[in-house]
Every structure is written in C-alpha cells, then in structure tokens.
C-alpha cells in the first residue's frame, strides 16, 4: 500500500499513477453544493479510462 497526494489536477495525476497499481482508492465528500456539482462533475465521473480499478471512499461516514 502506498499513499500519494496530488498537488496538480487529479485526472492527469491518476492517468500517470494508475498503470503502476491494481487498485486506486479515492476519498469523496458529500459537502459539495449543487452549483459546484453542475460546474464540475465528481472526479469519478470525469475519469474515462484508467489502467486500474478505482474505489471511491466516502470520507463523511461517522461511526
């Protein structure tokens, strides 16, 4: 397991990193406004083709 943090746009970062891994985990948040979602769809919807499986994890779950 390895943690990488993007300091640039997420799509190019994932396109470069994904071929080196079997599975990529991404954190998600439900704190976006409707306007924000309209202007910029969620990241997982913008990813066309990655060379790895992607798991989206909801960071807002409270136990």
PDB file of N, CA and C in Angstrom:
ATOM      1  N   UNK A   1       0.847  -1.160   0.000  1.00  0.00           N
ATOM      2  CA  UNK A   1       0.000   0.000   0.000  1.00  0.00           C
ATOM      3  C   UNK A   1       0.898   1.231   0.000  1.00  0.00           C
ATOM      4  N   UNK A   2       0.457   2.246  -0.714  1.00  0.00           N
ATOM      5  CA  UNK A   2       1.234   3.477  -0.833  1.00  0.00           C
ATOM      6  C   UNK A   2       0.271   4.654  -0.885  1.00  0.00           C
ATOM      7  N   UNK A   3       0.628   5.763  -0.286  1.00  0.00           N
ATOM      8  CA  UNK A   3      -0.190   6.967  -0.325  1.00  0.00           C
ATOM      9  C   UNK A   3       0.490   7.995  -1.209  1.00  0.00           C
ATOM     10  N   UNK A   4      -0.285   8.531  -2.138  1.00  0.00           N
ATOM     11  CA  UNK A   4       0.211   9.617  -2.985  1.00  0.00           C
ATOM     12  C   UNK A   4      -0.803  10.741  -2.932  1.00  0.00           C
ATOM     13  N   UNK A   5      -0.319  11.969  -2.890  1.00  0.00           N
ATOM     14  CA  UNK A   5      -1.188  13.135  -2.830  1.00  0.00           C
ATOM     15  C   UNK A   5      -0.883  14.015  -4.028  1.00  0.00           C
ATOM     16  N   UNK A   6      -1.912  14.338  -4.784  1.00  0.00           N
ATOM     17  CA  UNK A   6      -1.743  15.168  -5.969  1.00  0.00           C
ATOM     18  C   UNK A   6      -1.711  16.642  -5.586  1.00  0.00           C
ATOM     19  N   UNK A   7      -0.777  17.361  -6.161  1.00  0.00           N
ATOM     20  CA  UNK A   7      -0.732  18.811  -5.967  1.00  0.00           C
ATOM     21  C   UNK A   7      -1.190  19.528  -7.236  1.00  0.00           C
ATOM     22  N   UNK A   8      -1.522  18.764  -8.260  1.00  0.00           N
ATOM     23  CA  UNK A   8      -1.979  19.308  -9.536  1.00  0.00           C
ATOM     24  C   UNK A   8      -3.376  18.773  -9.820  1.00  0.00           C
ATOM     25  N   UNK A   9      -3.850  18.927 -11.040  1.00  0.00           N
ATOM     26  CA  UNK A   9      -5.153  18.390 -11.436  1.00  0.00           C
ATOM     27  C   UNK A   9      -5.184  16.882 -11.228  1.00  0.00           C
ATOM     28  N   UNK A  10      -6.307  16.368 -10.741  1.00  0.00           N
ATOM     29  CA  UNK A  10      -6.386  14.964 -10.361  1.00  0.00           C
ATOM     30  C   UNK A  10      -6.394  14.016 -11.563  1.00  0.00           C
ATOM     31  N   UNK A  11      -7.039  14.404 -12.674  1.00  0.00           N
ATOM     32  CA  UNK A  11      -7.135  13.490 -13.807  1.00  0.00           C
ATOM     33  C   UNK A  11      -5.766  13.102 -14.374  1.00  0.00           C
ATOM     34  N   UNK A  12      -4.893  14.063 -14.712  1.00  0.00           N
ATOM     35  CA  UNK A  12      -3.572  13.672 -15.221  1.00  0.00           C
ATOM     36  C   UNK A  12      -2.748  12.896 -14.187  1.00  0.00           C
ATOM     37  N   UNK A  13      -2.893  13.266 -12.917  1.00  0.00           N
ATOM     38  CA  UNK A  13      -2.190  12.566 -11.848  1.00  0.00           C
ATOM     39  C   UNK A  13      -2.584  11.090 -11.827  1.00  0.00           C
ATOM     40  N   UNK A  14      -3.890  10.814 -11.853  1.00  0.00           N
ATOM     41  CA  UNK A  14      -4.359   9.432 -11.836  1.00  0.00           C
ATOM     42  C   UNK A  14      -3.978   8.680 -13.110  1.00  0.00           C
ATOM     43  N   UNK A  15      -4.007   9.352 -14.246  1.00  0.00           N
ATOM     44  CA  UNK A  15      -3.611   8.700 -15.503  1.00  0.00           C
ATOM     45  C   UNK A  15      -2.150   8.261 -15.464  1.00  0.00           C
ATOM     46  N   UNK A  16      -1.292   9.046 -14.808  1.00  0.00           N
ATOM     47  CA  UNK A  16       0.123   8.668 -14.693  1.00  0.00           C
ATOM     48  C   UNK A  16       0.344   7.581 -13.650  1.00  0.00           C
ATOM     49  N   UNK A  17      -0.395   7.646 -12.536  1.00  0.00           N
ATOM     50  CA  UNK A  17      -0.165   6.720 -11.424  1.00  0.00           C
ATOM     51  C   UNK A  17      -0.857   5.371 -11.612  1.00  0.00           C
ATOM     52  N   UNK A  18      -2.044   5.358 -12.175  1.00  0.00           N
ATOM     53  CA  UNK A  18      -2.869   4.144 -12.237  1.00  0.00           C
ATOM     54  C   UNK A  18      -2.186   2.939 -12.877  1.00  0.00           C
ATOM     55  N   UNK A  19      -1.417   3.089 -13.948  1.00  0.00           N
ATOM     56  CA  UNK A  19      -0.791   1.905 -14.556  1.00  0.00           C
ATOM     57  C   UNK A  19       0.161   1.150 -13.624  1.00  0.00           C
ATOM     58  N   UNK A  20       0.584   1.775 -12.551  1.00  0.00           N
ATOM     59  CA  UNK A  20       1.531   1.150 -11.629  1.00  0.00           C
ATOM     60  C   UNK A  20       0.845   0.393 -10.486  1.00  0.00           C
ATOM     61  N   UNK A  21      -0.501   0.428 -10.451  1.00  0.00           N
ATOM     62  CA  UNK A  21      -1.250  -0.172  -9.351  1.00  0.00           C
ATOM     63  C   UNK A  21      -2.436  -0.974  -9.876  1.00  0.00           C
ATOM     64  N   UNK A  22      -2.890  -1.953  -9.090  1.00  0.00           N
ATOM     65  CA  UNK A  22      -4.079  -2.723  -9.441  1.00  0.00           C
ATOM     66  C   UNK A  22      -5.357  -2.024  -8.988  1.00  0.00           C
ATOM     67  N   UNK A  23      -5.269  -1.268  -7.894  1.00  0.00           N
ATOM     68  CA  UNK A  23      -6.433  -0.611  -7.325  1.00  0.00           C
ATOM     69  C   UNK A  23      -6.051   0.764  -6.812  1.00  0.00           C
ATOM     70  N   UNK A  24      -6.870   1.762  -7.120  1.00  0.00           N
ATOM     71  CA  UNK A  24      -6.650   3.133  -6.666  1.00  0.00           C
ATOM     72  C   UNK A  24      -7.842   3.533  -5.798  1.00  0.00           C
ATOM     73  N   UNK A  25      -7.578   3.986  -4.574  1.00  0.00           N
ATOM     74  CA  UNK A  25      -8.627   4.481  -3.681  1.00  0.00           C
ATOM     75  C   UNK A  25      -8.675   5.999  -3.765  1.00  0.00           C
ATOM     76  N   UNK A  26      -9.882   6.545  -3.841  1.00  0.00           N
ATOM     77  CA  UNK A  26     -10.063   7.998  -3.840  1.00  0.00           C
ATOM     78  C   UNK A  26     -11.044   8.355  -2.743  1.00  0.00           C
ATOM     79  N   UNK A  27     -10.738   9.401  -1.991  1.00  0.00           N
ATOM     80  CA  UNK A  27     -11.668   9.899  -0.995  1.00  0.00           C
ATOM     81  C   UNK A  27     -12.741  10.738  -1.671  1.00  0.00           C
ATOM     82  N   UNK A  28     -13.934  10.733  -1.118  1.00  0.00           N
ATOM     83  CA  UNK A  28     -15.044  11.508  -1.670  1.00  0.00           C
ATOM     84  C   UNK A  28     -15.700  12.308  -0.558  1.00  0.00           C
ATOM     85  N   UNK A  29     -16.355  13.364  -0.942  1.00  0.00           N
ATOM     86  CA  UNK A  29     -17.045  14.202   0.030  1.00  0.00           C
ATOM     87  C   UNK A  29     -18.433  14.527  -0.498  1.00  0.00           C
ATOM     88  N   UNK A  30     -19.396  14.597   0.392  1.00  0.00           N
ATOM     89  CA  UNK A  30     -20.754  14.991   0.003  1.00  0.00           C
ATOM     90  C   UNK A  30     -20.989  16.470   0.287  1.00  0.00           C
ATOM     91  N   UNK A  31     -19.961  17.190   0.647  1.00  0.00           N
ATOM     92  CA  UNK A  31     -20.101  18.589   1.050  1.00  0.00           C
ATOM     93  C   UNK A  31     -20.127  19.575  -0.116  1.00  0.00           C
ATOM     94  N   UNK A  32     -20.306  19.091  -1.320  1.00  0.00           N
ATOM     95  CA  UNK A  32     -20.321  19.994  -2.475  1.00  0.00           C
ATOM     96  C   UNK A  32     -21.726  20.536  -2.703  1.00  0.00           C
ATOM     97  N   UNK A  33     -21.801  21.793  -3.113  1.00  0.00           N
ATOM     98  CA  UNK A  33     -23.100  22.409  -3.400  1.00  0.00           C
ATOM     99  C   UNK A  33     -23.607  21.924  -4.763  1.00  0.00           C
ATOM    100  N   UNK A  34     -24.886  22.142  -5.014  1.00  0.00           N
ATOM    101  CA  UNK A  34     -25.474  21.764  -6.308  1.00  0.00           C
ATOM    102  C   UNK A  34     -24.796  22.528  -7.441  1.00  0.00           C
ATOM    103  N   UNK A  35     -24.489  23.802  -7.211  1.00  0.00           N
ATOM    104  CA  UNK A  35     -23.818  24.603  -8.237  1.00  0.00           C
ATOM    105  C   UNK A  35     -22.428  24.044  -8.539  1.00  0.00           C
ATOM    106  N   UNK A  36     -21.720  23.636  -7.502  1.00  0.00           N
ATOM    107  CA  UNK A  36     -20.395  23.059  -7.684  1.00  0.00           C
ATOM    108  C   UNK A  36     -20.474  21.774  -8.507  1.00  0.00           C
ATOM    109  N   UNK A  37     -21.452  20.939  -8.227  1.00  0.00           N
ATOM    110  CA  UNK A  37     -21.626  19.683  -8.965  1.00  0.00           C
ATOM    111  C   UNK A  37     -21.994  19.931 -10.411  1.00  0.00           C
ATOM    112  N   UNK A  38     -22.781  20.988 -10.660  1.00  0.00           N
ATOM    113  CA  UNK A  38     -23.183  21.322 -12.025  1.00  0.00           C
ATOM    114  C   UNK A  38     -21.990  21.814 -12.841  1.00  0.00           C
ATOM    115  N   UNK A  39     -21.153  22.653 -12.239  1.00  0.00           N
ATOM    116  CA  UNK A  39     -20.000  23.215 -12.940  1.00  0.00           C
ATOM    117  C   UNK A  39     -18.877  22.204 -13.129  1.00  0.00           C
ATOM    118  N   UNK A  40     -18.711  21.328 -12.164  1.00  0.00           N
ATOM    119  CA  UNK A  40     -17.640  20.343 -12.229  1.00  0.00           C
ATOM    120  C   UNK A  40     -18.143  19.016 -11.660  1.00  0.00           C
ATOM    121  N   UNK A  41     -18.418  18.043 -12.531  1.00  0.00           N
ATOM    122  CA  UNK A  41     -18.919  16.749 -12.049  1.00  0.00           C
ATOM    123  C   UNK A  41     -17.912  16.082 -11.106  1.00  0.00           C
ATOM    124  N   UNK A  42     -18.377  15.133 -10.290  1.00  0.00           N
ATOM    125  CA  UNK A  42     -17.463  14.412  -9.405  1.00  0.00           C
ATOM    126  C   UNK A  42     -16.307  13.785 -10.188  1.00  0.00           C
ATOM    127  N   UNK A  43     -15.166  13.690  -9.561  1.00  0.00           N
ATOM    128  CA  UNK A  43     -13.959  13.183 -10.224  1.00  0.00           C
ATOM    129  C   UNK A  43     -14.182  11.824 -10.855  1.00  0.00           C
ATOM    130  N   UNK A  44     -14.843  10.891 -10.136  1.00  0.00           N
ATOM    131  CA  UNK A  44     -15.001   9.545 -10.689  1.00  0.00           C
ATOM    132  C   UNK A  44     -15.821   9.557 -11.977  1.00  0.00           C
ATOM    133  N   UNK A  45     -16.673  10.577 -12.194  1.00  0.00           N
ATOM    134  CA  UNK A  45     -17.435  10.670 -13.437  1.00  0.00           C
ATOM    135  C   UNK A  45     -16.600  11.257 -14.569  1.00  0.00           C
ATOM    136  N   UNK A  46     -15.507  11.923 -14.248  1.00  0.00           N
ATOM    137  CA  UNK A  46     -14.651  12.528 -15.271  1.00  0.00           C
ATOM    138  C   UNK A  46     -13.535  11.601 -15.724  1.00  0.00           C
ATOM    139  N   UNK A  47     -13.353  10.496 -15.034  1.00  0.00           N
ATOM    140  CA  UNK A  47     -12.282   9.564 -15.398  1.00  0.00           C
ATOM    141  C   UNK A  47     -12.782   8.612 -16.478  1.00  0.00           C
ATOM    142  N   UNK A  48     -12.227   8.726 -17.654  1.00  0.00           N
ATOM    143  CA  UNK A  48     -12.677   7.891 -18.764  1.00  0.00           C
ATOM    144  C   UNK A  48     -12.082   6.502 -18.706  1.00  0.00           C
ATOM    145  N   UNK A  49     -10.787   6.452 -18.752  1.00  0.00           N
ATOM    146  CA  UNK A  49     -10.120   5.159 -18.872  1.00  0.00           C
ATOM    147  C   UNK A  49      -8.865   5.138 -18.019  1.00  0.00           C
ATOM    148  N   UNK A  50      -8.897   4.368 -16.949  1.00  0.00           N
ATOM    149  CA  UNK A  50      -7.699   4.197 -16.136  1.00  0.00           C
ATOM    150  C   UNK A  50      -7.250   2.755 -16.235  1.00  0.00           C
ATOM    151  N   UNK A  51      -5.960   2.547 -16.087  1.00  0.00           N
ATOM    152  CA  UNK A  51      -5.387   1.207 -16.141  1.00  0.00           C
ATOM    153  C   UNK A  51      -5.414   0.523 -14.785  1.00  0.00           C
ATOM    154  N   UNK A  52      -6.411   0.851 -13.958  1.00  0.00           N
ATOM    155  CA  UNK A  52      -6.552   0.251 -12.632  1.00  0.00           C
ATOM    156  C   UNK A  52      -8.011   0.348 -12.207  1.00  0.00           C
ATOM    157  N   UNK A  53      -8.412  -0.508 -11.302  1.00  0.00           N
ATOM    158  CA  UNK A  53      -9.735  -0.381 -10.701  1.00  0.00           C
ATOM    159  C   UNK A  53      -9.711   0.803  -9.749  1.00  0.00           C
ATOM    160  N   UNK A  54     -10.871   1.448  -9.581  1.00  0.00           N
ATOM    161  CA  UNK A  54     -10.972   2.617  -8.711  1.00  0.00           C
ATOM    162  C   UNK A  54     -12.029   2.354  -7.643  1.00  0.00           C
ATOM    163  N   UNK A  55     -11.685   2.623  -6.379  1.00  0.00           N
ATOM    164  CA  UNK A  55     -12.630   2.520  -5.267  1.00  0.00           C
ATOM    165  C   UNK A  55     -12.818   3.930  -4.702  1.00  0.00           C
ATOM    166  N   UNK A  56     -14.061   4.373  -4.623  1.00  0.00           N
ATOM    167  CA  UNK A  56     -14.371   5.684  -4.077  1.00  0.00           C
ATOM    168  C   UNK A  56     -14.855   5.494  -2.646  1.00  0.00           C
ATOM    169  N   UNK A  57     -14.189   6.164  -1.705  1.00  0.00           N
ATOM    170  CA  UNK A  57     -14.480   6.004  -0.276  1.00  0.00           C
ATOM    171  C   UNK A  57     -15.106   7.285   0.248  1.00  0.00           C
ATOM    172  N   UNK A  58     -16.267   7.168   0.888  1.00  0.00           N
ATOM    173  CA  UNK A  58     -16.955   8.330   1.466  1.00  0.00           C
ATOM    174  C   UNK A  58     -16.269   8.726   2.762  1.00  0.00           C
ATOM    175  N   UNK A  59     -15.703   9.908   2.790  1.00  0.00           N
ATOM    176  CA  UNK A  59     -14.957  10.357   3.975  1.00  0.00           C
ATOM    177  C   UNK A  59     -15.866  10.923   5.047  1.00  0.00           C
ATOM    178  N   UNK A  60     -17.170  11.068   4.782  1.00  0.00           N
ATOM    179  CA  UNK A  60     -18.067  11.692   5.742  1.00  0.00           C
ATOM    180  C   UNK A  60     -18.824  10.714   6.611  1.00  0.00           C
ATOM    181  N   UNK A  61     -18.535   9.446   6.518  1.00  0.00           N
ATOM    182  CA  UNK A  61     -19.234   8.457   7.324  1.00  0.00           C
ATOM    183  C   UNK A  61     -18.764   8.573   8.766  1.00  0.00           C
ATOM    184  N   UNK A  62     -19.725   8.666   9.693  1.00  0.00           N
ATOM    185  CA  UNK A  62     -19.396   8.764  11.119  1.00  0.00           C
ATOM    186  C   UNK A  62     -19.891   7.491  11.812  1.00  0.00           C
ATOM    187  N   UNK A  63     -19.064   6.915  12.647  1.00  0.00           N
ATOM    188  CA  UNK A  63     -19.447   5.710  13.369  1.00  0.00           C
ATOM    189  C   UNK A  63     -19.665   6.028  14.823  1.00  0.00           C
TER     190      UNK A  63
END
